[in-house]
C-alpha atoms as a PDB file:
ATOM      1  CA  UNK A   1     236.950 203.397  21.275  1.00  0.00           C
ATOM      2  CA  UNK A   2     233.103 203.313  22.496  1.00  0.00           C
ATOM      3  CA  UNK A   3     231.171 203.613  19.507  1.00  0.00           C
ATOM      4  CA  UNK A   4     231.250 203.927  16.187  1.00  0.00           C
ATOM      5  CA  UNK A   5     228.664 205.507  13.659  1.00  0.00           C
ATOM      6  CA  UNK A   6     228.741 203.789  10.491  1.00  0.00           C
ATOM      7  CA  UNK A   7     226.817 205.534   7.267  1.00  0.00           C
ATOM      8  CA  UNK A   8     227.053 204.522   3.891  1.00  0.00           C
ATOM      9  CA  UNK A   9     226.300 206.965   1.001  1.00  0.00           C
ATOM     10  CA  UNK A  10     225.731 207.242  -2.312  1.00  0.00           C
ATOM     11  CA  UNK A  11     224.411 210.244  -4.765  1.00  0.00           C
ATOM     12  CA  UNK A  12     222.879 211.847  -1.825  1.00  0.00           C
ATOM     13  CA  UNK A  13     225.060 214.655  -0.309  1.00  0.00           C
ATOM     14  CA  UNK A  14     222.608 217.073   0.537  1.00  0.00           C
ATOM     15  CA  UNK A  15     220.993 214.725   3.086  1.00  0.00           C
ATOM     16  CA  UNK A  16     224.421 213.240   3.920  1.00  0.00           C
ATOM     17  CA  UNK A  17     225.261 217.284   4.906  1.00  0.00           C
ATOM     18  CA  UNK A  18     221.909 217.428   7.118  1.00  0.00           C
ATOM     19  CA  UNK A  19     222.381 214.082   8.745  1.00  0.00           C
ATOM     20  CA  UNK A  20     226.135 215.198   9.753  1.00  0.00           C
ATOM     21  CA  UNK A  21     225.481 218.381  11.122  1.00  0.00           C
ATOM     22  CA  UNK A  22     222.770 216.645  13.699  1.00  0.00           C
ATOM     23  CA  UNK A  23     225.160 214.166  14.710  1.00  0.00           C
ATOM     24  CA  UNK A  24     227.958 216.518  15.578  1.00  0.00           C
ATOM     25  CA  UNK A  25     226.601 217.801  18.663  1.00  0.00           C
ATOM     26  CA  UNK A  26     225.548 214.601  19.883  1.00  0.00           C
ATOM     27  CA  UNK A  27     229.349 213.021  19.405  1.00  0.00           C
ATOM     28  CA  UNK A  28     231.892 212.808  21.372  1.00  0.00           C
ATOM     29  CA  UNK A  29     235.203 212.391  19.867  1.00  0.00           C
ATOM     30  CA  UNK A  30     237.175 211.401  22.356  1.00  0.00           C
ATOM     31  CA  UNK A  31     234.594 208.196  22.955  1.00  0.00           C
ATOM     32  CA  UNK A  32     233.059 208.426  19.939  1.00  0.00           C
ATOM     33  CA  UNK A  33     233.680 207.988  16.366  1.00  0.00           C
ATOM     34  CA  UNK A  34     232.277 208.294  12.562  1.00  0.00           C
ATOM     35  CA  UNK A  35     232.911 206.755   9.554  1.00  0.00           C
ATOM     36  CA  UNK A  36     231.271 207.396   6.063  1.00  0.00           C
ATOM     37  CA  UNK A  37     231.795 205.174   2.855  1.00  0.00           C
ATOM     38  CA  UNK A  38     230.972 207.299  -0.141  1.00  0.00           C
ATOM     39  CA  UNK A  39     230.429 204.640  -2.522  1.00  0.00           C
ATOM     40  CA  UNK A  40     230.879 206.097  -5.946  1.00  0.00           C
ATOM     41  CA  UNK A  41     230.042 209.303  -5.806  1.00  0.00           C
ATOM     42  CA  UNK A  42     232.053 212.231  -6.865  1.00  0.00           C
ATOM     43  CA  UNK A  43     229.716 215.034  -5.524  1.00  0.00           C
ATOM     44  CA  UNK A  44     229.468 213.808  -2.180  1.00  0.00           C
ATOM     45  CA  UNK A  45     233.446 214.148  -2.135  1.00  0.00           C
ATOM     46  CA  UNK A  46     233.169 217.438  -2.085  1.00  0.00           C
ATOM     47  CA  UNK A  47     232.365 217.301   1.603  1.00  0.00           C
ATOM     48  CA  UNK A  48     235.302 215.961   2.907  1.00  0.00           C
ATOM     49  CA  UNK A  49     236.817 219.152   3.728  1.00  0.00           C
ATOM     50  CA  UNK A  50     233.855 220.246   5.613  1.00  0.00           C
ATOM     51  CA  UNK A  51     233.610 217.726   7.786  1.00  0.00           C
ATOM     52  CA  UNK A  52     237.700 216.876   9.016  1.00  0.00           C
ATOM     53  CA  UNK A  53     236.134 215.294  12.447  1.00  0.00           C
ATOM     54  CA  UNK A  54     234.610 212.552  10.053  1.00  0.00           C
ATOM     55  CA  UNK A  55     236.503 209.818   8.850  1.00  0.00           C
ATOM     56  CA  UNK A  56     235.863 209.153   5.142  1.00  0.00           C
ATOM     57  CA  UNK A  57     236.490 206.163   2.822  1.00  0.00           C
ATOM     58  CA  UNK A  58     235.505 205.887  -0.502  1.00  0.00           C
ATOM     59  CA  UNK A  59     235.503 204.131  -3.945  1.00  0.00           C
ATOM     60  CA  UNK A  60     235.550 205.753  -7.513  1.00  0.00           C
ATOM     61  CA  UNK A  61     232.958 203.056  -8.870  1.00  0.00           C
ATOM     62  CA  UNK A  62     229.741 201.735  -6.867  1.00  0.00           C
ATOM     63  CA  UNK A  63     230.252 198.307  -5.189  1.00  0.00           C
ATOM     64  CA  UNK A  64     227.030 198.108  -4.013  1.00  0.00           C
ATOM     65  CA  UNK A  65     225.431 199.029  -0.274  1.00  0.00           C
ATOM     66  CA  UNK A  66     226.085 195.606   1.087  1.00  0.00           C
ATOM     67  CA  UNK A  67     229.686 195.405  -0.066  1.00  0.00           C
ATOM     68  CA  UNK A  68     230.371 199.202   0.602  1.00  0.00           C
ATOM     69  CA  UNK A  69     229.112 198.238   4.227  1.00  0.00           C
ATOM     70  CA  UNK A  70     231.284 194.987   4.263  1.00  0.00           C
ATOM     71  CA  UNK A  71     234.121 197.216   3.742  1.00  0.00           C
ATOM     72  CA  UNK A  72     233.589 200.192   6.028  1.00  0.00           C
ATOM     73  CA  UNK A  73     232.820 197.753   9.090  1.00  0.00           C
ATOM     74  CA  UNK A  74     236.083 196.460   8.855  1.00  0.00           C
ATOM     75  CA  UNK A  75     237.640 199.770   9.885  1.00  0.00           C
ATOM     76  CA  UNK A  76     235.265 200.664  12.776  1.00  0.00           C
ATOM     77  CA  UNK A  77     237.116 200.477  16.291  1.00  0.00           C
ATOM     78  CA  UNK A  78     234.232 200.793  18.809  1.00  0.00           C
ATOM     79  CA  UNK A  79     233.170 198.741  20.916  1.00  0.00           C
ATOM     80  CA  UNK A  80     229.277 199.465  19.696  1.00  0.00           C
ATOM     81  CA  UNK A  81     228.028 200.009  16.033  1.00  0.00           C
ATOM     82  CA  UNK A  82     225.540 202.537  15.489  1.00  0.00           C
ATOM     83  CA  UNK A  83     224.388 201.651  11.397  1.00  0.00           C
ATOM     84  CA  UNK A  84     222.428 204.620  10.316  1.00  0.00           C
ATOM     85  CA  UNK A  85     221.225 205.650   6.506  1.00  0.00           C
ATOM     86  CA  UNK A  86     222.748 209.155   5.281  1.00  0.00           C
ATOM     87  CA  UNK A  87     219.055 210.248   5.271  1.00  0.00           C
ATOM     88  CA  UNK A  88     218.164 209.021   8.767  1.00  0.00           C
ATOM     89  CA  UNK A  89     219.804 211.124  12.157  1.00  0.00           C
ATOM     90  CA  UNK A  90     218.829 210.069  15.692  1.00  0.00           C
ATOM     91  CA  UNK A  91     215.741 212.070  17.484  1.00  0.00           C
ATOM     92  CA  UNK A  92     215.478 210.670  20.765  1.00  0.00           C
ATOM     93  CA  UNK A  93     216.599 212.149  23.992  1.00  0.00           C
ATOM     94  CA  UNK A  94     220.476 210.813  24.987  1.00  0.00           C
ATOM     95  CA  UNK A  95     220.810 208.507  21.961  1.00  0.00           C
ATOM     96  CA  UNK A  96     223.971 207.371  22.401  1.00  0.00           C
ATOM     97  CA  UNK A  97     223.361 206.604  26.390  1.00  0.00           C
ATOM     98  CA  UNK A  98     220.223 204.555  25.585  1.00  0.00           C
ATOM     99  CA  UNK A  99     222.041 202.409  23.315  1.00  0.00           C
ATOM    100  CA  UNK A 100     224.689 202.010  25.371  1.00  0.00           C
ATOM    101  CA  UNK A 101     222.256 201.238  28.393  1.00  0.00           C
ATOM    102  CA  UNK A 102     219.832 198.343  26.710  1.00  0.00           C
ATOM    103  CA  UNK A 103     223.521 196.712  25.798  1.00  0.00           C
ATOM    104  CA  UNK A 104     224.405 196.834  29.503  1.00  0.00           C
ATOM    105  CA  UNK A 105     220.972 195.803  30.852  1.00  0.00           C
ATOM    106  CA  UNK A 106     220.952 192.572  28.943  1.00  0.00           C
ATOM    107  CA  UNK A 107     224.049 190.857  27.626  1.00  0.00           C
ATOM    108  CA  UNK A 108     222.235 188.237  25.273  1.00  0.00           C
ATOM    109  CA  UNK A 109     221.284 191.428  22.900  1.00  0.00           C
ATOM    110  CA  UNK A 110     223.576 191.209  19.919  1.00  0.00           C
ATOM    111  CA  UNK A 111     221.296 193.711  17.665  1.00  0.00           C
ATOM    112  CA  UNK A 112     219.119 196.507  19.001  1.00  0.00           C
ATOM    113  CA  UNK A 113     216.745 197.502  16.614  1.00  0.00           C
ATOM    114  CA  UNK A 114     215.439 201.119  16.605  1.00  0.00           C
ATOM    115  CA  UNK A 115     212.233 202.628  16.107  1.00  0.00           C
ATOM    116  CA  UNK A 116     211.720 204.317  12.709  1.00  0.00           C
ATOM    117  CA  UNK A 117     210.055 207.653  12.104  1.00  0.00           C
ATOM    118  CA  UNK A 118     209.422 207.907   8.268  1.00  0.00           C
ATOM    119  CA  UNK A 119     208.618 211.187   6.712  1.00  0.00           C
ATOM    120  CA  UNK A 120     210.338 215.081   6.378  1.00  0.00           C
ATOM    121  CA  UNK A 121     209.194 217.177   9.398  1.00  0.00           C
ATOM    122  CA  UNK A 122     210.004 220.555  10.212  1.00  0.00           C
ATOM    123  CA  UNK A 123     211.625 219.762  13.223  1.00  0.00           C
ATOM    124  CA  UNK A 124     212.961 216.900  15.361  1.00  0.00           C
ATOM    125  CA  UNK A 125     209.895 217.400  18.097  1.00  0.00           C
ATOM    126  CA  UNK A 126     207.330 217.372  15.337  1.00  0.00           C
ATOM    127  CA  UNK A 127     209.225 213.666  14.363  1.00  0.00           C
ATOM    128  CA  UNK A 128     208.906 212.684  17.669  1.00  0.00           C
ATOM    129  CA  UNK A 129     204.954 213.457  17.792  1.00  0.00           C
ATOM    130  CA  UNK A 130     204.353 210.770  14.716  1.00  0.00           C
ATOM    131  CA  UNK A 131     206.323 208.637  16.576  1.00  0.00           C
ATOM    132  CA  UNK A 132     204.602 205.096  18.750  1.00  0.00           C
ATOM    133  CA  UNK A 133     204.199 206.654  21.692  1.00  0.00           C
ATOM    134  CA  UNK A 134     203.850 203.623  23.472  1.00  0.00           C
ATOM    135  CA  UNK A 135     206.744 202.394  25.064  1.00  0.00           C
ATOM    136  CA  UNK A 136     207.990 199.027  23.637  1.00  0.00           C
ATOM    137  CA  UNK A 137     210.660 196.518  24.219  1.00  0.00           C
ATOM    138  CA  UNK A 138     210.101 192.722  22.855  1.00  0.00           C
ATOM    139  CA  UNK A 139     212.716 190.097  21.221  1.00  0.00           C
ATOM    140  CA  UNK A 140     212.479 190.190  17.136  1.00  0.00           C
ATOM    141  CA  UNK A 141     213.578 188.496  14.199  1.00  0.00           C
ATOM    142  CA  UNK A 142     215.082 191.750  12.135  1.00  0.00           C
ATOM    143  CA  UNK A 143     216.536 194.953  12.139  1.00  0.00           C
ATOM    144  CA  UNK A 144     216.398 198.267   9.894  1.00  0.00           C
ATOM    145  CA  UNK A 145     219.384 198.851   8.494  1.00  0.00           C
ATOM    146  CA  UNK A 146     218.766 203.014   8.280  1.00  0.00           C
ATOM    147  CA  UNK A 147     218.902 202.601  12.143  1.00  0.00           C
ATOM    148  CA  UNK A 148     220.544 199.811  14.492  1.00  0.00           C
ATOM    149  CA  UNK A 149     223.305 199.517  16.613  1.00  0.00           C
ATOM    150  CA  UNK A 150     225.599 195.847  16.829  1.00  0.00           C
ATOM    151  CA  UNK A 151     228.197 194.529  19.303  1.00  0.00           C
ATOM    152  CA  UNK A 152     231.396 194.478  17.032  1.00  0.00           C
ATOM    153  CA  UNK A 153     232.029 191.213  19.271  1.00  0.00           C
ATOM    154  CA  UNK A 154     229.248 189.850  17.814  1.00  0.00           C
ATOM    155  CA  UNK A 155     229.465 191.312  14.293  1.00  0.00           C
ATOM    156  CA  UNK A 156     232.797 189.852  13.997  1.00  0.00           C
ATOM    157  CA  UNK A 157     231.692 186.479  14.535  1.00  0.00           C
ATOM    158  CA  UNK A 158     229.085 186.703  11.276  1.00  0.00           C
ATOM    159  CA  UNK A 159     229.906 186.828   7.915  1.00  0.00           C
ATOM    160  CA  UNK A 160     229.305 190.341   8.032  1.00  0.00           C
ATOM    161  CA  UNK A 161     227.157 192.013   5.249  1.00  0.00           C
ATOM    162  CA  UNK A 162     227.053 189.872   2.088  1.00  0.00           C
ATOM    163  CA  UNK A 163     228.928 190.839  -0.992  1.00  0.00           C
ATOM    164  CA  UNK A 164     226.628 188.568  -2.886  1.00  0.00           C
ATOM    165  CA  UNK A 165     223.679 191.084  -2.347  1.00  0.00           C
ATOM    166  CA  UNK A 166     223.977 194.287  -3.455  1.00  0.00           C
ATOM    167  CA  UNK A 167     221.283 196.559  -1.842  1.00  0.00           C
ATOM    168  CA  UNK A 168     218.000 195.054   0.009  1.00  0.00           C
ATOM    169  CA  UNK A 169     217.678 192.415   1.896  1.00  0.00           C
ATOM    170  CA  UNK A 170     221.424 192.379   3.348  1.00  0.00           C
ATOM    171  CA  UNK A 171     220.169 192.911   7.000  1.00  0.00           C
ATOM    172  CA  UNK A 172     218.413 190.082   7.159  1.00  0.00           C
ATOM    173  CA  UNK A 173     221.508 187.969   6.496  1.00  0.00           C
ATOM    174  CA  UNK A 174     223.430 189.525   9.520  1.00  0.00           C
ATOM    175  CA  UNK A 175     220.274 189.274  11.263  1.00  0.00           C
ATOM    176  CA  UNK A 176     219.775 185.218  11.050  1.00  0.00           C
ATOM    177  CA  UNK A 177     223.800 184.898  11.336  1.00  0.00           C
ATOM    178  CA  UNK A 178     223.310 186.813  14.947  1.00  0.00           C
ATOM    179  CA  UNK A 179     220.681 184.930  15.756  1.00  0.00           C
ATOM    180  CA  UNK A 180     222.275 181.963  15.123  1.00  0.00           C
ATOM    181  CA  UNK A 181     225.091 182.494  17.213  1.00  0.00           C
ATOM    182  CA  UNK A 182     222.718 182.588  20.180  1.00  0.00           C
ATOM    183  CA  UNK A 183     222.299 186.212  20.677  1.00  0.00           C
ATOM    184  CA  UNK A 184     218.838 188.017  20.695  1.00  0.00           C
ATOM    185  CA  UNK A 185     217.791 191.314  18.268  1.00  0.00           C
ATOM    186  CA  UNK A 186     215.680 193.512  20.416  1.00  0.00           C
ATOM    187  CA  UNK A 187     213.370 196.464  19.281  1.00  0.00           C
ATOM    188  CA  UNK A 188     213.495 199.007  21.624  1.00  0.00           C
ATOM    189  CA  UNK A 189     210.283 201.640  20.767  1.00  0.00           C
ATOM    190  CA  UNK A 190     212.228 204.415  22.770  1.00  0.00           C
ATOM    191  CA  UNK A 191     215.538 205.200  20.903  1.00  0.00           C
ATOM    192  CA  UNK A 192     213.951 206.117  17.651  1.00  0.00           C
ATOM    193  CA  UNK A 193     215.662 207.883  14.516  1.00  0.00           C
ATOM    194  CA  UNK A 194     214.168 209.921  11.584  1.00  0.00           C
ATOM    195  CA  UNK A 195     214.287 208.142   8.188  1.00  0.00           C
ATOM    196  CA  UNK A 196     213.408 211.637   6.267  1.00  0.00           C
ATOM    197  CA  UNK A 197     212.203 209.587   2.983  1.00  0.00           C
ATOM    198  CA  UNK A 198     209.475 211.161   1.305  1.00  0.00           C
ATOM    199  CA  UNK A 199     207.213 208.033   0.149  1.00  0.00           C
ATOM    200  CA  UNK A 200     205.255 209.929  -2.339  1.00  0.00           C
ATOM    201  CA  UNK A 201     208.618 211.197  -4.216  1.00  0.00           C
ATOM    202  CA  UNK A 202     209.678 207.713  -4.532  1.00  0.00           C
ATOM    203  CA  UNK A 203     206.838 206.270  -6.087  1.00  0.00           C
ATOM    204  CA  UNK A 204     207.306 209.171  -8.893  1.00  0.00           C
ATOM    205  CA  UNK A 205     211.029 208.021  -9.131  1.00  0.00           C
ATOM    206  CA  UNK A 206     209.997 204.281  -9.461  1.00  0.00           C
ATOM    207  CA  UNK A 207     211.627 203.158  -6.952  1.00  0.00           C
ATOM    208  CA  UNK A 208     208.670 200.409  -5.614  1.00  0.00           C
ATOM    209  CA  UNK A 209     209.860 198.685  -9.143  1.00  0.00           C
ATOM    210  CA  UNK A 210     213.458 199.282  -8.368  1.00  0.00           C
ATOM    211  CA  UNK A 211     212.795 197.401  -4.794  1.00  0.00           C
ATOM    212  CA  UNK A 212     210.521 195.005  -6.326  1.00  0.00           C
ATOM    213  CA  UNK A 213     213.870 193.828  -8.145  1.00  0.00           C
ATOM    214  CA  UNK A 214     216.432 193.234  -6.139  1.00  0.00           C
ATOM    215  CA  UNK A 215     213.977 192.126  -3.394  1.00  0.00           C
ATOM    216  CA  UNK A 216     212.785 189.221  -5.768  1.00  0.00           C
ATOM    217  CA  UNK A 217     216.445 187.820  -6.223  1.00  0.00           C
ATOM    218  CA  UNK A 218     218.015 188.696  -3.116  1.00  0.00           C
ATOM    219  CA  UNK A 219     215.427 186.730  -1.114  1.00  0.00           C
ATOM    220  CA  UNK A 220     216.197 183.905  -3.407  1.00  0.00           C
ATOM    221  CA  UNK A 221     219.672 184.115  -2.630  1.00  0.00           C
ATOM    222  CA  UNK A 222     218.945 184.332   1.262  1.00  0.00           C
ATOM    223  CA  UNK A 223     217.185 181.187   1.150  1.00  0.00           C
ATOM    224  CA  UNK A 224     219.738 179.316  -1.066  1.00  0.00           C
ATOM    225  CA  UNK A 225     222.576 180.619   1.313  1.00  0.00           C
ATOM    226  CA  UNK A 226     220.482 179.942   5.040  1.00  0.00           C
ATOM    227  CA  UNK A 227     217.735 177.565   4.738  1.00  0.00           C
ATOM    228  CA  UNK A 228     218.630 173.944   5.294  1.00  0.00           C
ATOM    229  CA  UNK A 229     215.873 173.162   2.656  1.00  0.00           C
ATOM    230  CA  UNK A 230     215.484 175.845   0.556  1.00  0.00           C
ATOM    231  CA  UNK A 231     213.729 175.121  -2.943  1.00  0.00           C
ATOM    232  CA  UNK A 232     209.800 174.565  -1.892  1.00  0.00           C
ATOM    233  CA  UNK A 233     210.808 178.283   0.118  1.00  0.00           C
ATOM    234  CA  UNK A 234     211.809 179.624  -3.186  1.00  0.00           C
ATOM    235  CA  UNK A 235     209.365 177.766  -5.509  1.00  0.00           C
ATOM    236  CA  UNK A 236     206.347 179.632  -2.898  1.00  0.00           C
ATOM    237  CA  UNK A 237     208.162 182.813  -3.215  1.00  0.00           C
ATOM    238  CA  UNK A 238     208.579 182.733  -7.145  1.00  0.00           C
ATOM    239  CA  UNK A 239     204.847 181.989  -7.392  1.00  0.00           C
ATOM    240  CA  UNK A 240     203.733 184.319  -4.588  1.00  0.00           C
ATOM    241  CA  UNK A 241     205.491 187.444  -6.406  1.00  0.00           C
ATOM    242  CA  UNK A 242     203.994 186.255  -9.804  1.00  0.00           C
ATOM    243  CA  UNK A 243     200.672 186.603  -8.837  1.00  0.00           C
ATOM    244  CA  UNK A 244     200.953 189.484  -7.186  1.00  0.00           C
ATOM    245  CA  UNK A 245     203.465 191.880  -9.006  1.00  0.00           C
ATOM    246  CA  UNK A 246     204.403 189.933 -12.182  1.00  0.00           C
ATOM    247  CA  UNK A 247     200.561 189.724 -13.337  1.00  0.00           C
ATOM    248  CA  UNK A 248     200.316 193.614 -12.112  1.00  0.00           C
ATOM    249  CA  UNK A 249     202.003 195.930 -15.024  1.00  0.00           C
ATOM    250  CA  UNK A 250     204.028 195.085 -17.683  1.00  0.00           C
ATOM    251  CA  UNK A 251     207.045 196.715 -16.130  1.00  0.00           C
ATOM    252  CA  UNK A 252     206.527 194.372 -13.138  1.00  0.00           C
ATOM    253  CA  UNK A 253     206.456 191.251 -15.442  1.00  0.00           C
ATOM    254  CA  UNK A 254     209.755 191.997 -16.993  1.00  0.00           C
ATOM    255  CA  UNK A 255     211.283 192.711 -13.941  1.00  0.00           C
ATOM    256  CA  UNK A 256     210.214 189.404 -12.411  1.00  0.00           C
ATOM    257  CA  UNK A 257     211.425 187.162 -14.828  1.00  0.00           C
ATOM    258  CA  UNK A 258     214.680 189.142 -14.833  1.00  0.00           C
ATOM    259  CA  UNK A 259     215.538 188.920 -11.539  1.00  0.00           C
ATOM    260  CA  UNK A 260     214.627 185.034 -11.823  1.00  0.00           C
ATOM    261  CA  UNK A 261     216.974 184.941 -14.707  1.00  0.00           C
ATOM    262  CA  UNK A 262     219.563 186.695 -12.652  1.00  0.00           C
ATOM    263  CA  UNK A 263     218.916 184.179  -9.928  1.00  0.00           C
ATOM    264  CA  UNK A 264     219.341 181.237 -12.311  1.00  0.00           C
ATOM    265  CA  UNK A 265     222.424 182.784 -13.650  1.00  0.00           C
ATOM    266  CA  UNK A 266     224.525 183.751 -10.234  1.00  0.00           C
ATOM    267  CA  UNK A 267     223.425 179.930  -8.588  1.00  0.00           C
ATOM    268  CA  UNK A 268     226.989 178.673  -8.804  1.00  0.00           C
ATOM    269  CA  UNK A 269     228.409 182.061  -7.226  1.00  0.00           C
ATOM    270  CA  UNK A 270     225.861 182.163  -4.548  1.00  0.00           C
ATOM    271  CA  UNK A 271     226.512 178.474  -3.431  1.00  0.00           C
ATOM    272  CA  UNK A 272     230.084 179.020  -2.831  1.00  0.00           C
ATOM    273  CA  UNK A 273     228.470 181.219   0.422  1.00  0.00           C
ATOM    274  CA  UNK A 274     226.087 178.477   1.387  1.00  0.00           C
ATOM    275  CA  UNK A 275     225.922 178.183   4.999  1.00  0.00           C
ATOM    276  CA  UNK A 276     222.417 176.756   6.406  1.00  0.00           C
ATOM    277  CA  UNK A 277     221.679 177.846   9.616  1.00  0.00           C
ATOM    278  CA  UNK A 278     219.947 175.671  12.530  1.00  0.00           C
ATOM    279  CA  UNK A 279     216.664 174.642  12.617  1.00  0.00           C
ATOM    280  CA  UNK A 280     216.311 175.155  16.150  1.00  0.00           C
ATOM    281  CA  UNK A 281     217.610 178.880  14.723  1.00  0.00           C
ATOM    282  CA  UNK A 282     214.244 179.029  12.141  1.00  0.00           C
ATOM    283  CA  UNK A 283     212.266 178.022  14.821  1.00  0.00           C
ATOM    284  CA  UNK A 284     212.921 180.304  17.240  1.00  0.00           C
ATOM    285  CA  UNK A 285     212.907 183.459  14.315  1.00  0.00           C
ATOM    286  CA  UNK A 286     208.955 181.966  14.040  1.00  0.00           C
ATOM    287  CA  UNK A 287     208.244 182.206  17.580  1.00  0.00           C
ATOM    288  CA  UNK A 288     209.232 185.843  18.591  1.00  0.00           C
ATOM    289  CA  UNK A 289     207.444 188.836  17.096  1.00  0.00           C
ATOM    290  CA  UNK A 290     207.925 190.185  13.906  1.00  0.00           C
ATOM    291  CA  UNK A 291     209.253 193.852  13.568  1.00  0.00           C
ATOM    292  CA  UNK A 292     207.079 196.265  12.634  1.00  0.00           C
ATOM    293  CA  UNK A 293     208.373 198.107   9.756  1.00  0.00           C
END
């Protein structure tokens, strides 16, 4: 098997349906496979019969996006894994071939980061028009979970997506472990996915509050697991978030203290996963160009 396309989904059957319909024409099932993990959503289970060419996996009760990815990625058989969100689909020409060619061109690459084109468009052509037209390829230090590719042999050398994170921040954990192994992460703007997010709708839903809570807690965890000397960075992180968000309104204030309290309670559990990376890895991460989100 050449390529495994892997998608974790929860409570978004319409978005997943759209993505699967977009993927079917570009996959050759003699060489490609598509695996979907349903993270505790009975409504999405109703799609199974419509797409017999999908390898379905599910749990009755949600285990979180990162743990779901960890479970699903154990089942992929392709030499390359392509990770997509349930609301993201490829829009670049010869998408699969472009991904394969990029890895073949440079054996040092462990992860490919795709260009994320955000928004809901009337067509893929309209989405491409909104993309960054300037061709760019550069070594970076992170990737976006809605669209990326990783070599199976590289992923298998890491601890995989972390079970100690639920959602938001799991990509950074895989990224730092791949870099610590001596591989590179490369951003290629010509490989594009349309991430069909409605920013205004997410604001109405309060998703930014949700993201703030998860990211603060998970960044503390990330520092504890991977940094040789994490406590100064944690102190700066906490102070910055209190000043920027904790004093912004009552909801942020409450979520700030909730996240800090959860981090303290989880400290013994998180320290069981502690595996500091090399100082040279941290230095290299500072020296390369950051990924533009």
